[in-house]
Amino acid sequence: MVNQNKIGRGRVMRRSGLLIATLVFLNSAAQAIPLTSVKCMGGDGPNPLTDVSDNLGIGVEVLPTEGSVQEFLFWSNKQTVAYRNDYGRIYSLPLRGGRQIHLANSRNPLSSIKDDNNRFLSLRGRATVLDTESSPLMWRSWPHYREIKHLYWHRFLGRESLFSVGASFYRPRQQQIEVLSFSSRGIKPHICNLIAPQGQIFYLGEGHVYPYVFLYTIKKTGDNTQVNYFNIQIEGELLGKPTCLLYKSGQYSTVIPGNVTEVYQFPELMEGNHNMFVVKSDHPEKNFLWDDGTYGCRYYQFGEREPMVLNPRQPILTTWDDQDGLSIIYPRKTLDGQPLILRLLGNKLMGPVRKEHMVLSDDGRQLFVAARLKDPKEGRNRKLIRIELPQF
């Protein structure tokens, strides 16, 4: 079964008094961010990688955390980590000295979304936020009737707003997608209210940047998949004139081998009209497409290892397996024409290590990993490890 991040399950309950946004379908000639169609020939995987692990000194530090780390964020502006442990206690841990502070408690996991000022914490799937600079510290929740996915924070007219997306089925085989905003002035649950055409299903991609929500559709053609990209453009949502623009932003003119399972974009790294995407599939030889615009594109084959994109601001991949441990791959950095790979902590960590256990800093210099250490003296708690990565 394909592991798609489909938006929508359950049935929508209509509410009176909610402002329904206008939905406008645009053709490719009216795109807000024009993207060209892509034909990527790629290459047959697996691709060779150049291992430079032995030539570089890697700094590793186990941070002094309390309990077993569950989720965490790295606040680069403050050089601080905020984490939640297995007892539901949330701490802030400064990395440049000073004691860690107990901020709050929560049974629910932390969201990985952070604001530019490194001030707010939010809960995964819930309209609940903690302002860590308020006094007294207190969670604030907005009533909402189903699970949502947080996209990003955006500051507008002097206040921070958390933008999220939720979806369900309006009628059988007809999807409804909403973009929501939570701020000190309350909830705007219908910034964008999209009723998709009958039978058309949108999937939520990864790598969103204000004021866009990145979506894609898939169409099976035999053993292959046709992928189309879409964006919802939010306009005027905080000025009292909500308008939604849904436009098709790209299509692969060649099909993707196998079943597509995930799609990422790197909006802040795109150059001009050139795309920058990652497409994951279940194909036995071409299960990972790295499409890097002006740098070209290629297929990778990672076998049973799970390739992960940790930060859409950095062209870096991560994989984990029990034999090689943690691997960092630099598709843009090559030696003799082959991308570089670093293999880290192979005999020191106990797996599995998944995407939610790692954070890559925006500058690509620090990697944080929550994992159990094989050293029996460390017990079974999941520790937080900071790795200083080299700059090529």
Protein backbone atom coordinates (compact mmCIF):
# COMPACT_ATOMS: atom_id res chain seq x y z
CA MET A 1 0.00 0.00 0.00
CA VAL A 2 1.36 3.40 -0.99
CA ASN A 3 2.19 5.61 1.99
CA GLN A 4 0.66 8.84 0.72
CA ASN A 5 0.21 11.91 2.87
CA LYS A 6 -3.36 12.33 1.65
CA ILE A 7 -5.16 15.33 3.01
CA GLY A 8 -8.55 14.43 4.25
CA ARG A 9 -10.58 11.87 6.08
CA GLY A 10 -13.89 12.06 7.89
CA ARG A 11 -16.84 14.28 7.02
CA VAL A 12 -17.00 18.05 7.21
CA MET A 13 -19.54 19.64 9.55
CA ARG A 14 -20.78 22.94 8.16
CA ARG A 15 -20.69 25.97 10.41
CA SER A 16 -22.77 29.09 10.02
CA GLY A 17 -21.22 32.53 10.15
CA LEU A 18 -17.89 31.42 8.65
CA LEU A 19 -16.49 33.43 5.77
CA ILE A 20 -16.04 31.16 2.76
CA ALA A 21 -13.08 32.21 0.64
CA THR A 22 -13.34 32.59 -3.12
CA LEU A 23 -11.66 29.80 -5.06
CA VAL A 24 -10.09 30.71 -8.40
CA PHE A 25 -8.58 28.09 -10.73
CA LEU A 26 -5.71 29.45 -12.82
CA ASN A 27 -4.03 27.98 -15.86
CA SER A 28 -0.25 27.85 -16.26
CA ALA A 29 -0.17 31.25 -17.96
CA ALA A 30 -1.30 32.94 -14.74
CA GLN A 31 1.11 31.35 -12.31
CA ALA A 32 2.35 33.41 -9.37
CA ILE A 33 5.63 31.42 -9.35
CA PRO A 34 6.13 30.06 -12.89
CA LEU A 35 7.76 26.64 -13.05
CA THR A 36 8.69 24.90 -16.25
CA SER A 37 7.75 21.37 -17.18
CA VAL A 38 10.48 18.90 -16.40
CA LYS A 39 11.95 16.01 -18.35
CA CYS A 40 14.56 14.31 -16.21
CA MET A 41 16.30 11.37 -17.78
CA GLY A 42 18.29 10.68 -14.63
CA GLY A 43 20.38 7.54 -14.43
CA ASP A 44 19.98 3.96 -13.38
CA GLY A 45 20.52 3.56 -9.66
CA PRO A 46 22.31 2.84 -7.53
CA ASN A 47 24.63 5.79 -7.99
CA PRO A 48 28.15 5.65 -6.55
CA LEU A 49 28.96 8.06 -3.72
CA THR A 50 32.35 9.31 -2.58
CA ASP A 51 32.90 8.59 1.12
CA VAL A 52 34.91 11.37 2.79
CA SER A 53 34.21 10.32 6.39
CA ASP A 54 37.84 9.44 7.19
CA ASN A 55 39.22 12.75 5.97
CA LEU A 56 37.20 15.05 8.19
CA GLY A 57 37.03 15.70 11.90
CA ILE A 58 33.41 15.68 13.09
CA GLY A 59 32.49 17.29 16.41
CA VAL A 60 30.01 15.28 18.49
CA GLU A 61 28.44 16.28 21.82
CA VAL A 62 25.84 14.53 23.98
CA LEU A 63 23.67 17.27 25.49
CA PRO A 64 22.63 17.14 29.18
CA THR A 65 18.90 16.50 28.85
CA GLU A 66 16.34 15.25 31.37
CA GLY A 67 14.65 11.91 30.73
CA SER A 68 14.21 10.43 27.27
CA VAL A 69 13.90 13.03 24.49
CA GLN A 70 10.74 12.67 22.38
CA GLU A 71 10.51 15.75 20.13
CA PHE A 72 12.62 18.89 19.92
CA LEU A 73 13.30 22.12 18.04
CA PHE A 74 16.51 24.05 17.53
CA TRP A 75 16.19 27.82 17.96
CA SER A 76 19.20 29.13 16.07
CA ASN A 77 18.63 32.79 17.04
CA LYS A 78 18.94 31.87 20.71
CA GLN A 79 21.28 28.88 20.27
CA THR A 80 18.77 26.94 22.37
CA VAL A 81 17.05 23.58 22.07
CA ALA A 82 13.45 23.16 23.22
CA TYR A 83 12.48 19.53 23.86
CA ARG A 84 9.77 17.35 25.40
CA ASN A 85 10.68 14.21 27.33
CA ASP A 86 8.89 10.95 28.04
CA TYR A 87 7.24 12.44 31.14
CA GLY A 88 5.65 15.20 29.04
CA ARG A 89 7.88 17.88 30.54
CA ILE A 90 9.10 20.58 28.12
CA TYR A 91 12.49 22.24 28.67
CA SER A 92 14.62 24.91 27.01
CA LEU A 93 18.33 24.06 26.97
CA PRO A 94 20.83 26.84 26.09
CA LEU A 95 23.85 25.55 24.16
CA ARG A 96 26.24 28.31 25.22
CA GLY A 97 26.05 27.82 28.94
CA GLY A 98 23.34 28.38 31.51
CA ARG A 99 20.86 26.04 33.07
CA GLN A 100 17.93 24.45 31.32
CA ILE A 101 14.48 25.73 32.25
CA HIS A 102 11.26 23.78 32.65
CA LEU A 103 8.74 25.61 30.45
CA ALA A 104 5.52 23.59 30.50
CA ASN A 105 3.97 20.13 30.32
CA SER A 106 2.10 18.36 27.54
CA ARG A 107 0.93 14.83 26.83
CA ASN A 108 0.83 15.65 23.13
CA PRO A 109 3.90 15.82 20.89
CA LEU A 110 5.53 19.07 19.84
CA SER A 111 5.24 20.30 16.26
CA SER A 112 8.51 20.89 14.40
CA ILE A 113 7.30 24.24 13.01
CA LYS A 114 9.12 27.27 14.43
CA ASP A 115 8.71 31.02 14.09
CA ASP A 116 11.49 33.39 12.97
CA ASN A 117 11.78 34.89 16.44
CA ASN A 118 12.12 31.48 18.12
CA ARG A 119 9.40 32.32 20.59
CA PHE A 120 6.45 29.94 20.13
CA LEU A 121 5.90 26.22 20.61
CA SER A 122 2.94 24.42 19.05
CA LEU A 123 1.47 20.94 19.43
CA ARG A 124 1.37 18.51 16.52
CA GLY A 125 -2.08 18.25 14.98
CA ARG A 126 -3.68 20.68 17.44
CA ALA A 127 -4.50 24.38 17.50
CA THR A 128 -2.52 24.87 20.69
CA VAL A 129 0.41 27.26 21.17
CA LEU A 130 2.76 28.28 23.99
CA ASP A 131 4.29 31.77 23.99
CA THR A 132 7.58 31.20 25.80
CA GLU A 133 8.06 34.94 26.40
CA SER A 134 4.71 35.53 28.07
CA SER A 135 4.20 35.83 31.79
CA PRO A 136 2.85 33.63 33.17
CA LEU A 137 3.62 30.84 30.69
CA MET A 138 0.34 29.36 29.55
CA TRP A 139 -0.91 27.22 26.67
CA ARG A 140 -3.45 28.87 24.41
CA SER A 141 -5.89 26.71 22.44
CA TRP A 142 -8.39 27.56 19.74
CA PRO A 143 -11.48 25.37 19.28
CA HIS A 144 -11.20 23.31 16.13
CA TYR A 145 -13.03 20.16 15.17
CA ARG A 146 -10.42 18.03 13.45
CA GLU A 147 -6.73 17.33 13.16
CA ILE A 148 -4.60 19.86 11.27
CA LYS A 149 -1.04 20.06 10.00
CA HIS A 150 0.97 23.18 10.80
CA LEU A 151 2.76 24.76 7.83
CA TYR A 152 4.63 27.88 8.99
CA TRP A 153 4.55 31.02 11.10
CA HIS A 154 4.26 34.42 9.45
CA ARG A 155 4.44 37.89 10.98
CA PHE A 156 1.96 40.37 9.55
CA LEU A 157 0.84 43.76 10.87
CA GLY A 158 2.83 43.26 14.05
CA ARG A 159 1.45 39.90 15.15
CA GLU A 160 2.56 36.32 14.66
CA SER A 161 0.15 33.92 12.97
CA LEU A 162 0.40 30.15 12.70
CA PHE A 163 -0.85 28.84 9.36
CA SER A 164 -2.18 25.31 9.16
CA VAL A 165 -4.05 23.06 6.74
CA GLY A 166 -6.83 20.56 7.31
CA ALA A 167 -9.00 18.52 5.00
CA SER A 168 -11.82 16.03 4.78
CA PHE A 169 -14.28 14.70 2.26
CA TYR A 170 -17.09 17.13 1.47
CA ARG A 171 -18.98 14.39 -0.38
CA PRO A 172 -17.92 10.88 -1.38
CA ARG A 173 -14.83 11.28 -3.63
CA GLN A 174 -14.95 15.07 -3.30
CA GLN A 175 -12.25 16.63 -1.15
CA GLN A 176 -12.40 19.84 0.88
CA ILE A 177 -9.15 21.59 1.88
CA GLU A 178 -8.98 24.48 4.33
CA VAL A 179 -6.08 26.77 5.17
CA LEU A 180 -6.39 28.20 8.68
CA SER A 181 -4.71 30.97 10.65
CA PHE A 182 -4.30 31.16 14.43
CA SER A 183 -3.17 34.35 16.13
CA SER A 184 -3.81 36.54 19.17
CA ARG A 185 -6.94 37.78 17.42
CA GLY A 186 -8.39 34.31 17.20
CA ILE A 187 -8.96 31.75 14.47
CA LYS A 188 -9.68 32.36 10.81
CA PRO A 189 -10.85 28.89 9.79
CA HIS A 190 -11.72 29.72 6.19
CA ILE A 191 -8.79 31.70 4.85
CA CYS A 192 -8.92 29.25 2.02
CA ASN A 193 -11.74 26.78 1.46
CA LEU A 194 -11.15 24.61 -1.57
CA ILE A 195 -13.73 22.17 -2.89
CA ALA A 196 -11.85 19.91 -5.30
CA PRO A 197 -13.41 18.55 -8.49
CA GLN A 198 -15.19 15.23 -8.11
CA GLY A 199 -12.69 12.37 -7.95
CA GLN A 200 -9.55 14.55 -7.86
CA ILE A 201 -7.44 13.93 -4.76
CA PHE A 202 -4.68 16.32 -3.63
CA TYR A 203 -1.75 15.22 -1.48
CA LEU A 204 0.15 17.54 0.81
CA GLY A 205 3.79 17.94 -0.17
CA GLU A 206 6.65 19.11 2.03
CA GLY A 207 8.50 22.41 1.87
CA HIS A 208 5.95 25.22 2.28
CA VAL A 209 6.73 28.93 2.33
CA TYR A 210 4.34 31.81 2.96
CA PRO A 211 2.00 32.59 1.20
CA TYR A 212 1.83 29.19 -0.53
CA VAL A 213 0.64 25.68 0.28
CA PHE A 214 2.35 23.01 -1.83
CA LEU A 215 0.15 20.16 -3.14
CA TYR A 216 0.48 17.47 -5.77
CA THR A 217 -1.67 14.93 -7.59
CA ILE A 218 -0.77 11.51 -8.95
CA LYS A 219 -2.09 9.49 -11.87
CA LYS A 220 -1.13 5.88 -12.38
CA THR A 221 -0.05 4.85 -15.90
CA GLY A 222 0.73 1.15 -15.72
CA ASP A 223 3.66 0.63 -13.35
CA ASN A 224 4.55 4.34 -13.40
CA THR A 225 3.11 7.55 -11.96
CA GLN A 226 2.42 10.95 -13.50
CA VAL A 227 3.00 13.78 -10.99
CA ASN A 228 1.47 17.25 -11.19
CA TYR A 229 2.35 20.10 -8.81
CA PHE A 230 -0.06 22.67 -7.47
CA ASN A 231 0.08 25.62 -5.10
CA ILE A 232 -2.62 27.35 -3.13
CA GLN A 233 -1.74 31.03 -2.98
CA ILE A 234 -3.10 32.92 0.00
CA GLU A 235 -3.91 36.55 -0.70
CA GLY A 236 -5.28 39.24 1.60
CA GLU A 237 -6.14 36.77 4.33
CA LEU A 238 -5.43 39.25 7.14
CA LEU A 239 -6.99 42.27 5.44
CA GLY A 240 -10.55 41.01 5.58
CA LYS A 241 -10.68 40.10 1.88
CA PRO A 242 -9.78 36.42 1.70
CA THR A 243 -9.06 35.10 -1.78
CA CYS A 244 -7.70 31.69 -2.74
CA LEU A 245 -5.73 30.99 -5.87
CA LEU A 246 -5.10 27.38 -6.84
CA TYR A 247 -2.75 26.98 -9.76
CA LYS A 248 -0.85 24.20 -11.45
CA SER A 249 2.84 24.93 -11.01
CA GLY A 250 4.52 22.06 -12.83
CA GLN A 251 4.39 18.58 -14.32
CA TYR A 252 6.96 15.93 -15.13
CA SER A 253 6.73 15.30 -18.86
CA THR A 254 8.10 11.82 -18.19
CA VAL A 255 6.47 9.51 -15.70
CA ILE A 256 8.05 8.51 -12.37
CA PRO A 257 8.89 4.79 -12.08
CA GLY A 258 6.81 2.98 -9.44
CA ASN A 259 4.32 4.39 -6.94
CA VAL A 260 5.08 7.92 -5.74
CA THR A 261 5.03 8.08 -1.93
CA GLU A 262 6.32 11.59 -1.07
CA VAL A 263 7.21 14.85 -2.80
CA TYR A 264 9.38 17.66 -1.40
CA GLN A 265 10.18 21.07 -2.79
CA PHE A 266 12.93 23.55 -1.90
CA PRO A 267 11.24 26.92 -2.58
CA GLU A 268 14.04 29.07 -1.13
CA LEU A 269 16.70 27.31 -3.21
CA MET A 270 14.95 27.54 -6.57
CA GLU A 271 16.78 29.72 -9.08
CA GLY A 272 14.66 31.62 -11.58
CA ASN A 273 12.34 29.24 -13.41
CA HIS A 274 14.25 26.13 -12.38
CA ASN A 275 12.60 23.49 -10.23
CA MET A 276 14.08 21.88 -7.17
CA PHE A 277 12.19 18.81 -6.02
CA VAL A 278 12.62 15.40 -4.47
CA VAL A 279 10.28 12.56 -5.44
CA LYS A 280 10.26 9.29 -3.49
CA SER A 281 8.80 6.10 -4.92
CA ASP A 282 8.80 2.36 -4.32
CA HIS A 283 10.61 1.46 -7.56
CA PRO A 284 13.26 -1.25 -6.95
CA GLU A 285 15.99 0.61 -8.91
CA LYS A 286 14.92 4.25 -9.08
CA ASN A 287 13.24 5.00 -5.76
CA PHE A 288 14.54 8.53 -5.20
CA LEU A 289 14.60 11.35 -7.77
CA TRP A 290 16.74 14.40 -6.96
CA ASP A 291 15.72 17.16 -9.38
CA ASP A 292 17.95 20.16 -8.81
CA GLY A 293 17.19 22.53 -11.67
CA THR A 294 20.41 24.08 -12.98
CA TYR A 295 22.46 21.36 -11.22
CA GLY A 296 20.67 18.61 -13.13
CA CYS A 297 18.79 15.61 -11.82
CA ARG A 298 19.54 11.98 -11.05
CA TYR A 299 17.96 8.91 -9.56
CA TYR A 300 19.28 7.27 -6.42
CA GLN A 301 18.64 3.80 -5.09
CA PHE A 302 18.85 3.55 -1.31
CA GLY A 303 17.57 0.01 -0.91
CA GLU A 304 15.96 -0.48 2.48
CA ARG A 305 17.44 2.73 3.83
CA GLU A 306 14.97 5.58 4.14
CA PRO A 307 16.20 8.80 2.47
CA MET A 308 15.13 11.89 4.42
CA VAL A 309 15.02 15.62 3.70
CA LEU A 310 15.46 17.40 7.03
CA ASN A 311 15.48 21.05 6.00
CA PRO A 312 14.11 22.56 2.75
CA ARG A 313 16.70 25.36 3.08
CA GLN A 314 19.59 22.92 2.64
CA PRO A 315 20.32 20.60 -0.34
CA ILE A 316 21.29 17.75 1.98
CA LEU A 317 19.94 14.20 2.37
CA THR A 318 20.11 11.89 5.37
CA THR A 319 19.74 8.11 5.64
CA TRP A 320 19.92 5.59 8.47
CA ASP A 321 20.62 1.89 8.66
CA ASP A 322 21.96 -0.38 11.39
CA GLN A 323 25.17 -1.20 9.52
CA ASP A 324 26.33 2.23 8.32
CA GLY A 325 24.53 4.26 10.96
CA LEU A 326 23.77 7.84 10.05
CA SER A 327 24.75 9.01 6.56
CA ILE A 328 24.78 12.59 5.27
CA ILE A 329 24.72 13.00 1.48
CA TYR A 330 25.58 16.23 -0.38
CA PRO A 331 24.13 15.93 -3.92
CA ARG A 332 25.56 19.33 -4.95
CA LYS A 333 29.05 18.60 -3.63
CA THR A 334 31.01 16.18 -5.79
CA LEU A 335 34.43 14.59 -6.04
CA ASP A 336 35.35 13.03 -9.37
CA GLY A 337 31.77 13.61 -10.45
CA GLN A 338 30.19 11.71 -7.54
CA PRO A 339 28.23 13.23 -4.63
CA LEU A 340 29.90 13.24 -1.22
CA ILE A 341 28.73 11.11 1.70
CA LEU A 342 29.59 11.23 5.40
CA ARG A 343 28.94 8.17 7.57
CA LEU A 344 28.53 9.08 11.23
CA LEU A 345 28.22 7.23 14.54
CA GLY A 346 27.65 3.85 12.89
CA ASN A 347 28.59 1.82 15.96
CA LYS A 348 27.35 4.20 18.64
CA LEU A 349 23.61 4.66 18.03
CA MET A 350 20.72 2.25 18.39
CA GLY A 351 18.11 2.52 15.69
CA PRO A 352 15.79 3.09 14.21
CA VAL A 353 16.48 6.80 13.68
CA ARG A 354 13.64 8.47 11.80
CA LYS A 355 13.03 11.91 10.37
CA GLU A 356 11.21 13.11 13.48
CA HIS A 357 14.32 12.27 15.52
CA MET A 358 16.54 14.74 13.64
CA VAL A 359 16.85 18.48 13.05
CA LEU A 360 19.26 20.13 10.61
CA SER A 361 20.03 23.80 11.27
CA ASP A 362 19.11 26.32 8.60
CA ASP A 363 22.77 26.97 7.81
CA GLY A 364 23.55 23.25 7.47
CA ARG A 365 26.30 23.41 10.10
CA GLN A 366 24.63 21.51 12.95
CA LEU A 367 22.72 18.25 13.01
CA PHE A 368 20.78 17.24 16.12
CA VAL A 369 19.78 13.61 16.64
CA ALA A 370 17.59 12.10 19.37
CA ALA A 371 18.69 8.47 19.73
CA ARG A 372 19.66 5.80 22.23
CA LEU A 373 23.37 5.16 22.67
CA LYS A 374 24.78 1.63 22.57
CA ASP A 375 26.91 2.35 25.63
CA PRO A 376 25.13 0.43 28.46
CA LYS A 377 26.14 3.16 30.92
CA GLU A 378 23.76 5.53 29.15
CA GLY A 379 20.69 3.38 29.88
CA ARG A 380 17.68 3.25 27.56
CA ASN A 381 16.88 6.95 27.45
CA ARG A 382 16.88 8.67 24.09
CA LYS A 383 19.71 11.22 24.27
CA LEU A 384 20.06 14.43 22.30
CA ILE A 385 23.29 14.53 20.28
CA ARG A 386 24.71 17.58 18.52
CA ILE A 387 26.97 17.01 15.50
CA GLU A 388 29.08 19.80 14.00
CA LEU A 389 29.07 19.19 10.24
CA PRO A 390 31.92 20.24 7.94
CA GLN A 391 31.48 23.00 5.35
CA PHE A 392 32.57 21.95 1.89
